[in-house]
Amino acid sequence: MKKALSIAGKILTILIAVFSVGVMIFTIVSVNTIGKDAALFGYKPYIVTSNSMQDTFQAGDLTVSKQVDPAALEPGDIVTFRSIDPVNYGQVVTHKIKSITTYEGEPAFVTYGTTTGVEDAYPVPFSQVLGQYQFRLPGMGNFFYFLKSTAGYVTVILLPFLLLIILQAVKFFKLVGQYKEEQRAELNTERAQLQAEREETERMKQELERLRAQLGENAPPKTEPEAPKTEPEAPKPQEASPQEKPKAETQTAQEPSQPEEESIDDIIRWINEMERDGQ
């Protein structure tokens, strides 16, 4: 379940990021090209405001035209131009070319709207041609107008970015909590190991104490020396020869071995020192 939620969160984050970046790019391009003379690589977007070409595009769509040489256009092509009709002078219109003519000595196009089939009142001089229609983005004109409003900015730009920031903050705090849990687990493991070592040291100490007590019980009992008996005076032993004297002195110089109890005491003292160093 946690794995599925994690995957869903990642997908949601990616979708929000892609959507936000797309909206940002669309907004930047639209603001800098729509209603202005600027174009992007020769392409320029326009917002459709009427249904005079309803079979090709509709009001509220976003059309894109490409800058071309007017002499390369032919009847049947759809052209974007600035109208010279006094009724809508200077307005951008996208209509289909019906034929080629001349106007005031300049080549011009006769255009019409396909919805009604009625020719435009004035021809389109080549100098007024802005480009040739390429494609449309349905409804994106209305979307652009919505983005320019306060409600559109908050809904489409501000809220997605805030949601993205919140998701990243939640992910960050989860990572911090996971790191603290790992650190706590490592500390508990080290404490458990130290406690186990202390218990093992205590057990060894008790075992040595038991061995020491056992050695003390198995030691032979001390006997009191008997009173000396009166015996006839023994003859004096002959004095050892010079060759035998070094041997006797060597035997006298040898010291008895240390008792086993001293060895156990040294081990216990060593264990106690280890416990103090560990503490």
C-alpha atoms as a PDB file:
ATOM      1  CA  MET A   1       0.000   0.000   0.000  1.00  0.00           C
ATOM      2  CA  LYS A   2       2.811   2.422   0.920  1.00  0.00           C
ATOM      3  CA  LYS A   3       4.632   1.617  -2.317  1.00  0.00           C
ATOM      4  CA  ALA A   4       1.498   2.318  -4.380  1.00  0.00           C
ATOM      5  CA  LEU A   5       0.964   5.646  -2.582  1.00  0.00           C
ATOM      6  CA  SER A   6       4.589   6.576  -3.157  1.00  0.00           C
ATOM      7  CA  ILE A   7       4.311   5.855  -6.890  1.00  0.00           C
ATOM      8  CA  ALA A   8       1.037   7.794  -7.119  1.00  0.00           C
ATOM      9  CA  GLY A   9       2.631  10.767  -5.341  1.00  0.00           C
ATOM     10  CA  LYS A  10       5.577  10.776  -7.750  1.00  0.00           C
ATOM     11  CA  ILE A  11       3.267  10.617 -10.780  1.00  0.00           C
ATOM     12  CA  LEU A  12       1.139  13.451  -9.405  1.00  0.00           C
ATOM     13  CA  THR A  13       4.215  15.572  -8.768  1.00  0.00           C
ATOM     14  CA  ILE A  14       5.491  14.999 -12.306  1.00  0.00           C
ATOM     15  CA  LEU A  15       2.091  15.831 -13.831  1.00  0.00           C
ATOM     16  CA  ILE A  16       1.784  19.040 -11.834  1.00  0.00           C
ATOM     17  CA  ALA A  17       5.318  20.064 -12.776  1.00  0.00           C
ATOM     18  CA  VAL A  18       4.748  19.362 -16.474  1.00  0.00           C
ATOM     19  CA  PHE A  19       1.406  21.181 -16.443  1.00  0.00           C
ATOM     20  CA  SER A  20       2.873  24.182 -14.650  1.00  0.00           C
ATOM     21  CA  VAL A  21       5.837  24.417 -17.016  1.00  0.00           C
ATOM     22  CA  GLY A  22       3.529  24.067 -20.039  1.00  0.00           C
ATOM     23  CA  VAL A  23       1.217  26.796 -18.795  1.00  0.00           C
ATOM     24  CA  MET A  24       4.187  29.040 -18.090  1.00  0.00           C
ATOM     25  CA  ILE A  25       5.607  28.548 -21.596  1.00  0.00           C
ATOM     26  CA  PHE A  26       2.188  29.080 -23.190  1.00  0.00           C
ATOM     27  CA  THR A  27       1.646  32.246 -21.186  1.00  0.00           C
ATOM     28  CA  ILE A  28       5.060  33.704 -22.032  1.00  0.00           C
ATOM     29  CA  VAL A  29       4.707  32.970 -25.752  1.00  0.00           C
ATOM     30  CA  SER A  30       1.117  34.202 -25.926  1.00  0.00           C
ATOM     31  CA  VAL A  31       1.713  37.421 -24.023  1.00  0.00           C
ATOM     32  CA  ASN A  32       4.687  38.297 -26.220  1.00  0.00           C
ATOM     33  CA  THR A  33       3.081  37.426 -29.582  1.00  0.00           C
ATOM     34  CA  ILE A  34      -0.724  37.747 -29.476  1.00  0.00           C
ATOM     35  CA  GLY A  35      -1.758  41.262 -30.480  1.00  0.00           C
ATOM     36  CA  LYS A  36       1.850  42.220 -31.208  1.00  0.00           C
ATOM     37  CA  ASP A  37       4.083  42.179 -34.258  1.00  0.00           C
ATOM     38  CA  ALA A  38       6.523  39.685 -32.736  1.00  0.00           C
ATOM     39  CA  ALA A  39       6.661  36.120 -34.080  1.00  0.00           C
ATOM     40  CA  LEU A  40       8.365  32.912 -32.914  1.00  0.00           C
ATOM     41  CA  PHE A  41      10.480  31.316 -35.670  1.00  0.00           C
ATOM     42  CA  GLY A  42       8.170  32.892 -38.230  1.00  0.00           C
ATOM     43  CA  TYR A  43       5.002  31.554 -36.549  1.00  0.00           C
ATOM     44  CA  LYS A  44       2.443  33.834 -34.933  1.00  0.00           C
ATOM     45  CA  PRO A  45      -0.738  32.933 -32.985  1.00  0.00           C
ATOM     46  CA  TYR A  46      -4.089  34.653 -33.362  1.00  0.00           C
ATOM     47  CA  ILE A  47      -7.330  34.361 -31.396  1.00  0.00           C
ATOM     48  CA  VAL A  48     -10.456  33.724 -33.488  1.00  0.00           C
ATOM     49  CA  THR A  49     -13.275  36.139 -32.638  1.00  0.00           C
ATOM     50  CA  SER A  50     -15.949  35.135 -35.183  1.00  0.00           C
ATOM     51  CA  ASN A  51     -17.350  32.066 -36.941  1.00  0.00           C
ATOM     52  CA  SER A  52     -16.804  33.255 -40.528  1.00  0.00           C
ATOM     53  CA  MET A  53     -14.637  30.158 -41.117  1.00  0.00           C
ATOM     54  CA  GLN A  54     -16.623  27.752 -38.948  1.00  0.00           C
ATOM     55  CA  ASP A  55     -15.822  24.678 -41.024  1.00  0.00           C
ATOM     56  CA  THR A  56     -12.064  25.269 -40.368  1.00  0.00           C
ATOM     57  CA  PHE A  57     -11.913  26.950 -36.960  1.00  0.00           C
ATOM     58  CA  GLN A  58     -14.344  28.509 -34.518  1.00  0.00           C
ATOM     59  CA  ALA A  59     -14.535  31.518 -32.238  1.00  0.00           C
ATOM     60  CA  GLY A  60     -12.385  30.975 -29.158  1.00  0.00           C
ATOM     61  CA  ASP A  61      -9.812  28.860 -31.011  1.00  0.00           C
ATOM     62  CA  LEU A  62      -6.164  29.833 -31.326  1.00  0.00           C
ATOM     63  CA  THR A  63      -4.886  29.784 -34.916  1.00  0.00           C
ATOM     64  CA  VAL A  64      -1.237  29.820 -35.960  1.00  0.00           C
ATOM     65  CA  SER A  65      -0.059  31.360 -39.223  1.00  0.00           C
ATOM     66  CA  LYS A  66       3.382  31.302 -40.811  1.00  0.00           C
ATOM     67  CA  GLN A  67       5.044  34.248 -42.500  1.00  0.00           C
ATOM     68  CA  VAL A  68       5.321  33.558 -46.265  1.00  0.00           C
ATOM     69  CA  ASP A  69       5.883  35.355 -49.540  1.00  0.00           C
ATOM     70  CA  PRO A  70       2.422  36.462 -50.736  1.00  0.00           C
ATOM     71  CA  ALA A  71       3.428  35.704 -54.342  1.00  0.00           C
ATOM     72  CA  ALA A  72       3.668  32.003 -53.387  1.00  0.00           C
ATOM     73  CA  LEU A  73       0.009  31.839 -52.304  1.00  0.00           C
ATOM     74  CA  GLU A  74      -2.720  30.504 -54.572  1.00  0.00           C
ATOM     75  CA  PRO A  75      -6.529  30.421 -54.632  1.00  0.00           C
ATOM     76  CA  GLY A  76      -7.781  27.938 -52.028  1.00  0.00           C
ATOM     77  CA  ASP A  77      -5.100  28.862 -49.483  1.00  0.00           C
ATOM     78  CA  ILE A  78      -6.179  30.396 -46.173  1.00  0.00           C
ATOM     79  CA  VAL A  79      -4.436  33.694 -45.521  1.00  0.00           C
ATOM     80  CA  THR A  80      -4.140  35.965 -42.512  1.00  0.00           C
ATOM     81  CA  PHE A  81      -4.153  39.692 -43.298  1.00  0.00           C
ATOM     82  CA  ARG A  82      -4.976  43.176 -42.024  1.00  0.00           C
ATOM     83  CA  SER A  83      -8.268  44.433 -43.382  1.00  0.00           C
ATOM     84  CA  ILE A  84      -8.444  47.735 -45.273  1.00  0.00           C
ATOM     85  CA  ASP A  85     -12.232  47.806 -45.020  1.00  0.00           C
ATOM     86  CA  PRO A  86     -13.259  51.066 -43.271  1.00  0.00           C
ATOM     87  CA  VAL A  87     -15.737  49.059 -41.149  1.00  0.00           C
ATOM     88  CA  ASN A  88     -12.991  47.007 -39.502  1.00  0.00           C
ATOM     89  CA  TYR A  89      -9.849  48.767 -40.682  1.00  0.00           C
ATOM     90  CA  GLY A  90      -6.616  47.279 -39.293  1.00  0.00           C
ATOM     91  CA  GLN A  91      -8.349  44.228 -37.801  1.00  0.00           C
ATOM     92  CA  VAL A  92      -6.635  40.864 -38.369  1.00  0.00           C
ATOM     93  CA  VAL A  93      -8.736  38.501 -40.481  1.00  0.00           C
ATOM     94  CA  THR A  94      -8.104  34.924 -41.616  1.00  0.00           C
ATOM     95  CA  HIS A  95     -10.090  34.008 -44.754  1.00  0.00           C
ATOM     96  CA  LYS A  96      -9.732  31.803 -47.823  1.00  0.00           C
ATOM     97  CA  ILE A  97      -8.346  33.148 -51.116  1.00  0.00           C
ATOM     98  CA  LYS A  98     -10.884  33.050 -53.968  1.00  0.00           C
ATOM     99  CA  SER A  99      -8.870  34.688 -56.718  1.00  0.00           C
ATOM    100  CA  ILE A 100      -5.972  37.032 -57.479  1.00  0.00           C
ATOM    101  CA  THR A 101      -6.588  40.592 -58.693  1.00  0.00           C
ATOM    102  CA  THR A 102      -5.050  44.048 -58.458  1.00  0.00           C
ATOM    103  CA  TYR A 103      -5.931  46.953 -56.196  1.00  0.00           C
ATOM    104  CA  GLU A 104      -4.639  50.473 -56.889  1.00  0.00           C
ATOM    105  CA  GLY A 105      -1.927  49.003 -59.113  1.00  0.00           C
ATOM    106  CA  GLU A 106      -0.795  46.417 -56.524  1.00  0.00           C
ATOM    107  CA  PRO A 107      -1.418  42.657 -56.649  1.00  0.00           C
ATOM    108  CA  ALA A 108      -4.170  41.640 -54.229  1.00  0.00           C
ATOM    109  CA  PHE A 109      -6.298  38.683 -53.175  1.00  0.00           C
ATOM    110  CA  VAL A 110     -10.044  38.383 -53.291  1.00  0.00           C
ATOM    111  CA  THR A 111     -11.011  36.622 -50.026  1.00  0.00           C
ATOM    112  CA  TYR A 112     -14.178  35.277 -48.468  1.00  0.00           C
ATOM    113  CA  GLY A 113     -15.483  33.528 -45.366  1.00  0.00           C
ATOM    114  CA  THR A 114     -16.415  29.888 -45.998  1.00  0.00           C
ATOM    115  CA  THR A 115     -19.371  30.013 -43.594  1.00  0.00           C
ATOM    116  CA  THR A 116     -21.379  32.394 -45.815  1.00  0.00           C
ATOM    117  CA  GLY A 117     -19.360  32.226 -49.036  1.00  0.00           C
ATOM    118  CA  VAL A 118     -19.681  36.016 -49.417  1.00  0.00           C
ATOM    119  CA  GLU A 119     -16.632  37.868 -50.725  1.00  0.00           C
ATOM    120  CA  ASP A 120     -15.016  40.477 -48.511  1.00  0.00           C
ATOM    121  CA  ALA A 121     -15.874  44.098 -49.434  1.00  0.00           C
ATOM    122  CA  TYR A 122     -12.239  45.039 -50.116  1.00  0.00           C
ATOM    123  CA  PRO A 123      -9.441  42.979 -51.629  1.00  0.00           C
ATOM    124  CA  VAL A 124      -6.247  42.184 -49.705  1.00  0.00           C
ATOM    125  CA  PRO A 125      -3.099  43.872 -51.081  1.00  0.00           C
ATOM    126  CA  PHE A 126       0.079  41.765 -50.861  1.00  0.00           C
ATOM    127  CA  SER A 127       1.513  44.356 -48.457  1.00  0.00           C
ATOM    128  CA  GLN A 128      -1.242  43.594 -45.928  1.00  0.00           C
ATOM    129  CA  VAL A 129      -0.645  39.829 -45.864  1.00  0.00           C
ATOM    130  CA  LEU A 130       0.616  38.599 -42.454  1.00  0.00           C
ATOM    131  CA  GLY A 131       0.967  34.885 -43.142  1.00  0.00           C
ATOM    132  CA  GLN A 132      -0.566  31.606 -44.246  1.00  0.00           C
ATOM    133  CA  TYR A 133      -2.811  29.620 -41.881  1.00  0.00           C
ATOM    134  CA  GLN A 134      -1.115  26.448 -40.558  1.00  0.00           C
ATOM    135  CA  PHE A 135      -3.153  24.908 -37.736  1.00  0.00           C
ATOM    136  CA  ARG A 136      -5.436  25.668 -34.784  1.00  0.00           C
ATOM    137  CA  LEU A 137      -5.573  24.935 -31.054  1.00  0.00           C
ATOM    138  CA  PRO A 138      -9.252  24.421 -30.133  1.00  0.00           C
ATOM    139  CA  GLY A 139     -10.455  26.602 -27.255  1.00  0.00           C
ATOM    140  CA  MET A 140      -6.976  27.914 -26.410  1.00  0.00           C
ATOM    141  CA  GLY A 141      -8.020  31.463 -27.248  1.00  0.00           C
ATOM    142  CA  ASN A 142     -10.612  31.409 -24.495  1.00  0.00           C
ATOM    143  CA  PHE A 143      -8.043  29.794 -22.200  1.00  0.00           C
ATOM    144  CA  PHE A 144      -5.624  32.646 -22.885  1.00  0.00           C
ATOM    145  CA  TYR A 145      -8.264  35.221 -21.981  1.00  0.00           C
ATOM    146  CA  PHE A 146      -8.955  33.258 -18.787  1.00  0.00           C
ATOM    147  CA  LEU A 147      -5.260  33.251 -17.875  1.00  0.00           C
ATOM    148  CA  LYS A 148      -5.177  37.045 -18.151  1.00  0.00           C
ATOM    149  CA  SER A 149      -7.863  37.299 -15.461  1.00  0.00           C
ATOM    150  CA  THR A 150      -7.162  37.176 -11.723  1.00  0.00           C
ATOM    151  CA  ALA A 151      -9.193  34.001 -11.249  1.00  0.00           C
ATOM    152  CA  GLY A 152      -7.298  32.312 -14.086  1.00  0.00           C
ATOM    153  CA  TYR A 153      -3.917  33.293 -12.670  1.00  0.00           C
ATOM    154  CA  VAL A 154      -4.780  31.958  -9.217  1.00  0.00           C
ATOM    155  CA  THR A 155      -6.384  28.744 -10.502  1.00  0.00           C
ATOM    156  CA  VAL A 156      -4.002  27.763 -13.273  1.00  0.00           C
ATOM    157  CA  ILE A 157      -0.649  29.183 -12.155  1.00  0.00           C
ATOM    158  CA  LEU A 158      -0.562  29.980  -8.447  1.00  0.00           C
ATOM    159  CA  LEU A 159      -2.401  26.949  -7.023  1.00  0.00           C
ATOM    160  CA  PRO A 160      -0.433  24.297  -8.995  1.00  0.00           C
ATOM    161  CA  PHE A 161       2.861  25.833  -7.902  1.00  0.00           C
ATOM    162  CA  LEU A 162       1.722  25.976  -4.278  1.00  0.00           C
ATOM    163  CA  LEU A 163       0.615  22.332  -4.461  1.00  0.00           C
ATOM    164  CA  LEU A 164       3.967  21.370  -5.947  1.00  0.00           C
ATOM    165  CA  ILE A 165       5.804  23.169  -3.145  1.00  0.00           C
ATOM    166  CA  ILE A 166       3.642  21.473  -0.503  1.00  0.00           C
ATOM    167  CA  LEU A 167       4.274  18.017  -1.986  1.00  0.00           C
ATOM    168  CA  GLN A 168       8.013  18.616  -2.024  1.00  0.00           C
ATOM    169  CA  ALA A 169       7.925  19.903   1.572  1.00  0.00           C
ATOM    170  CA  VAL A 170       6.029  16.778   2.725  1.00  0.00           C
ATOM    171  CA  LYS A 171       8.564  14.590   0.949  1.00  0.00           C
ATOM    172  CA  PHE A 172      11.436  16.486   2.597  1.00  0.00           C
ATOM    173  CA  PHE A 173      10.025  16.102   6.121  1.00  0.00           C
ATOM    174  CA  LYS A 174       9.414  12.388   5.499  1.00  0.00           C
ATOM    175  CA  LEU A 175      13.058  11.961   4.539  1.00  0.00           C
ATOM    176  CA  VAL A 176      14.142  13.830   7.673  1.00  0.00           C
ATOM    177  CA  GLY A 177      11.941  11.587   9.843  1.00  0.00           C
ATOM    178  CA  GLN A 178      13.287   8.475   8.136  1.00  0.00           C
ATOM    179  CA  TYR A 179      16.853   9.630   8.753  1.00  0.00           C
ATOM    180  CA  LYS A 180      16.142  10.191  12.452  1.00  0.00           C
ATOM    181  CA  GLU A 181      14.572   6.731  12.741  1.00  0.00           C
ATOM    182  CA  GLU A 182      17.657   5.147  11.193  1.00  0.00           C
ATOM    183  CA  GLN A 183      19.929   7.038  13.559  1.00  0.00           C
ATOM    184  CA  ARG A 184      17.804   5.970  16.547  1.00  0.00           C
ATOM    185  CA  ALA A 185      17.880   2.334  15.416  1.00  0.00           C
ATOM    186  CA  GLU A 186      21.667   2.411  15.062  1.00  0.00           C
ATOM    187  CA  LEU A 187      22.028   3.918  18.553  1.00  0.00           C
ATOM    188  CA  ASN A 188      19.772   1.234  20.063  1.00  0.00           C
ATOM    189  CA  THR A 189      21.802  -1.478  18.330  1.00  0.00           C
ATOM    190  CA  GLU A 190      25.053  -0.084  19.740  1.00  0.00           C
ATOM    191  CA  ARG A 191      23.552   0.078  23.234  1.00  0.00           C
ATOM    192  CA  ALA A 192      22.347  -3.525  22.965  1.00  0.00           C
ATOM    193  CA  GLN A 193      25.809  -4.673  21.875  1.00  0.00           C
ATOM    194  CA  LEU A 194      27.442  -2.811  24.763  1.00  0.00           C
ATOM    195  CA  GLN A 195      24.972  -4.328  27.236  1.00  0.00           C
ATOM    196  CA  ALA A 196      25.669  -7.801  25.848  1.00  0.00           C
ATOM    197  CA  GLU A 197      29.417  -7.279  26.273  1.00  0.00           C
ATOM    198  CA  ARG A 198      28.932  -6.150  29.879  1.00  0.00           C
ATOM    199  CA  GLU A 199      26.773  -9.189  30.624  1.00  0.00           C
ATOM    200  CA  GLU A 200      29.384 -11.481  29.078  1.00  0.00           C
ATOM    201  CA  THR A 201      32.121  -9.834  31.150  1.00  0.00           C
ATOM    202  CA  GLU A 202      30.046 -10.239  34.318  1.00  0.00           C
ATOM    203  CA  ARG A 203      29.430 -13.891  33.493  1.00  0.00           C
ATOM    204  CA  MET A 204      33.153 -14.510  32.997  1.00  0.00           C
ATOM    205  CA  LYS A 205      33.875 -12.777  36.295  1.00  0.00           C
ATOM    206  CA  GLN A 206      31.355 -14.976  38.123  1.00  0.00           C
ATOM    207  CA  GLU A 207      32.801 -18.081  36.483  1.00  0.00           C
ATOM    208  CA  LEU A 208      36.295 -17.145  37.640  1.00  0.00           C
ATOM    209  CA  GLU A 209      35.021 -16.520  41.161  1.00  0.00           C
ATOM    210  CA  ARG A 210      33.423 -19.958  41.128  1.00  0.00           C
ATOM    211  CA  LEU A 211      36.670 -21.592  39.953  1.00  0.00           C
ATOM    212  CA  ARG A 212      38.582 -19.764  42.639  1.00  0.00           C
ATOM    213  CA  ALA A 213      36.189 -20.975  45.324  1.00  0.00           C
ATOM    214  CA  GLN A 214      36.372 -24.517  43.948  1.00  0.00           C
ATOM    215  CA  LEU A 215      40.162 -24.491  44.051  1.00  0.00           C
ATOM    216  CA  GLY A 216      40.025 -23.281  47.644  1.00  0.00           C
ATOM    217  CA  GLU A 217      37.752 -26.215  48.659  1.00  0.00           C
ATOM    218  CA  ASN A 218      39.957 -28.820  46.971  1.00  0.00           C
ATOM    219  CA  ALA A 219      43.170 -27.615  48.654  1.00  0.00           C
ATOM    220  CA  PRO A 220      44.599 -30.177  51.232  1.00  0.00           C
ATOM    221  CA  PRO A 221      44.047 -29.275  54.919  1.00  0.00           C
ATOM    222  CA  LYS A 222      46.964 -27.875  56.870  1.00  0.00           C
ATOM    223  CA  THR A 223      48.425 -30.255  59.511  1.00  0.00           C
ATOM    224  CA  GLU A 224      50.187 -29.136  62.685  1.00  0.00           C
ATOM    225  CA  PRO A 225      53.798 -30.244  62.981  1.00  0.00           C
ATOM    226  CA  GLU A 226      54.445 -33.076  65.460  1.00  0.00           C
ATOM    227  CA  ALA A 227      56.597 -32.511  68.496  1.00  0.00           C
ATOM    228  CA  PRO A 228      60.181 -33.536  67.893  1.00  0.00           C
ATOM    229  CA  LYS A 229      61.158 -36.910  69.351  1.00  0.00           C
ATOM    230  CA  THR A 230      64.307 -37.369  71.359  1.00  0.00           C
ATOM    231  CA  GLU A 231      66.642 -39.499  69.351  1.00  0.00           C
ATOM    232  CA  PRO A 232      70.207 -40.360  69.792  1.00  0.00           C
ATOM    233  CA  GLU A 233      72.510 -37.884  68.317  1.00  0.00           C
ATOM    234  CA  ALA A 234      73.191 -38.776  64.807  1.00  0.00           C
ATOM    235  CA  PRO A 235      76.654 -38.697  63.512  1.00  0.00           C
ATOM    236  CA  LYS A 236      77.655 -35.538  61.865  1.00  0.00           C
ATOM    237  CA  PRO A 237      77.286 -35.703  58.151  1.00  0.00           C
ATOM    238  CA  GLN A 238      80.381 -35.562  56.193  1.00  0.00           C
ATOM    239  CA  GLU A 239      81.126 -32.247  54.674  1.00  0.00           C
ATOM    240  CA  ALA A 240      80.218 -32.102  51.047  1.00  0.00           C
ATOM    241  CA  SER A 241      82.955 -32.120  48.557  1.00  0.00           C
ATOM    242  CA  PRO A 242      83.724 -29.006  46.585  1.00  0.00           C
ATOM    243  CA  GLN A 243      82.139 -30.566  43.510  1.00  0.00           C
ATOM    244  CA  GLU A 244      78.810 -31.187  45.309  1.00  0.00           C
ATOM    245  CA  LYS A 245      78.542 -27.731  46.901  1.00  0.00           C
ATOM    246  CA  PRO A 246      77.471 -25.791  43.740  1.00  0.00           C
ATOM    247  CA  LYS A 247      74.785 -28.354  43.049  1.00  0.00           C
ATOM    248  CA  ALA A 248      73.326 -28.019  46.538  1.00  0.00           C
ATOM    249  CA  GLU A 249      73.430 -24.220  46.385  1.00  0.00           C
ATOM    250  CA  THR A 250      71.609 -24.336  43.053  1.00  0.00           C
ATOM    251  CA  GLN A 251      68.836 -26.437  44.492  1.00  0.00           C
ATOM    252  CA  THR A 252      68.558 -24.093  47.459  1.00  0.00           C
ATOM    253  CA  ALA A 253      68.343 -21.019  45.186  1.00  0.00           C
ATOM    254  CA  GLN A 254      65.364 -22.362  43.271  1.00  0.00           C
ATOM    255  CA  GLU A 255      62.129 -20.729  44.471  1.00  0.00           C
ATOM    256  CA  PRO A 256      58.815 -22.532  44.691  1.00  0.00           C
ATOM    257  CA  SER A 257      56.268 -21.905  41.848  1.00  0.00           C
ATOM    258  CA  GLN A 258      53.517 -19.338  42.347  1.00  0.00           C
ATOM    259  CA  PRO A 259      50.227 -20.806  43.524  1.00  0.00           C
ATOM    260  CA  GLU A 260      47.380 -21.031  41.023  1.00  0.00           C
ATOM    261  CA  GLU A 261      45.223 -18.708  43.101  1.00  0.00           C
ATOM    262  CA  GLU A 262      47.477 -15.714  42.244  1.00  0.00           C
ATOM    263  CA  SER A 263      46.904 -16.342  38.509  1.00  0.00           C
ATOM    264  CA  ILE A 264      43.102 -16.244  38.968  1.00  0.00           C
ATOM    265  CA  ASP A 265      43.360 -13.022  41.005  1.00  0.00           C
ATOM    266  CA  ASP A 266      45.280 -11.401  38.141  1.00  0.00           C
ATOM    267  CA  ILE A 267      42.552 -12.396  35.658  1.00  0.00           C
ATOM    268  CA  ILE A 268      39.814 -10.968  37.893  1.00  0.00           C
ATOM    269  CA  ARG A 269      41.714  -7.707  38.300  1.00  0.00           C
ATOM    270  CA  TRP A 270      42.159  -7.542  34.506  1.00  0.00           C
ATOM    271  CA  ILE A 271      38.378  -8.023  33.985  1.00  0.00           C
ATOM    272  CA  ASN A 272      37.579  -5.297  36.537  1.00  0.00           C
ATOM    273  CA  GLU A 273      39.934  -2.921  34.721  1.00  0.00           C
ATOM    274  CA  MET A 274      38.187  -3.704  31.422  1.00  0.00           C
ATOM    275  CA  GLU A 275      34.792  -2.906  32.981  1.00  0.00           C
ATOM    276  CA  ARG A 276      36.066   0.439  34.287  1.00  0.00           C
ATOM    277  CA  ASP A 277      37.554   1.311  30.887  1.00  0.00           C
ATOM    278  CA  GLY A 278      34.227   0.387  29.148  1.00  0.00           C
ATOM    279  CA  GLN A 279      32.273   2.632  31.493  1.00  0.00           C
END
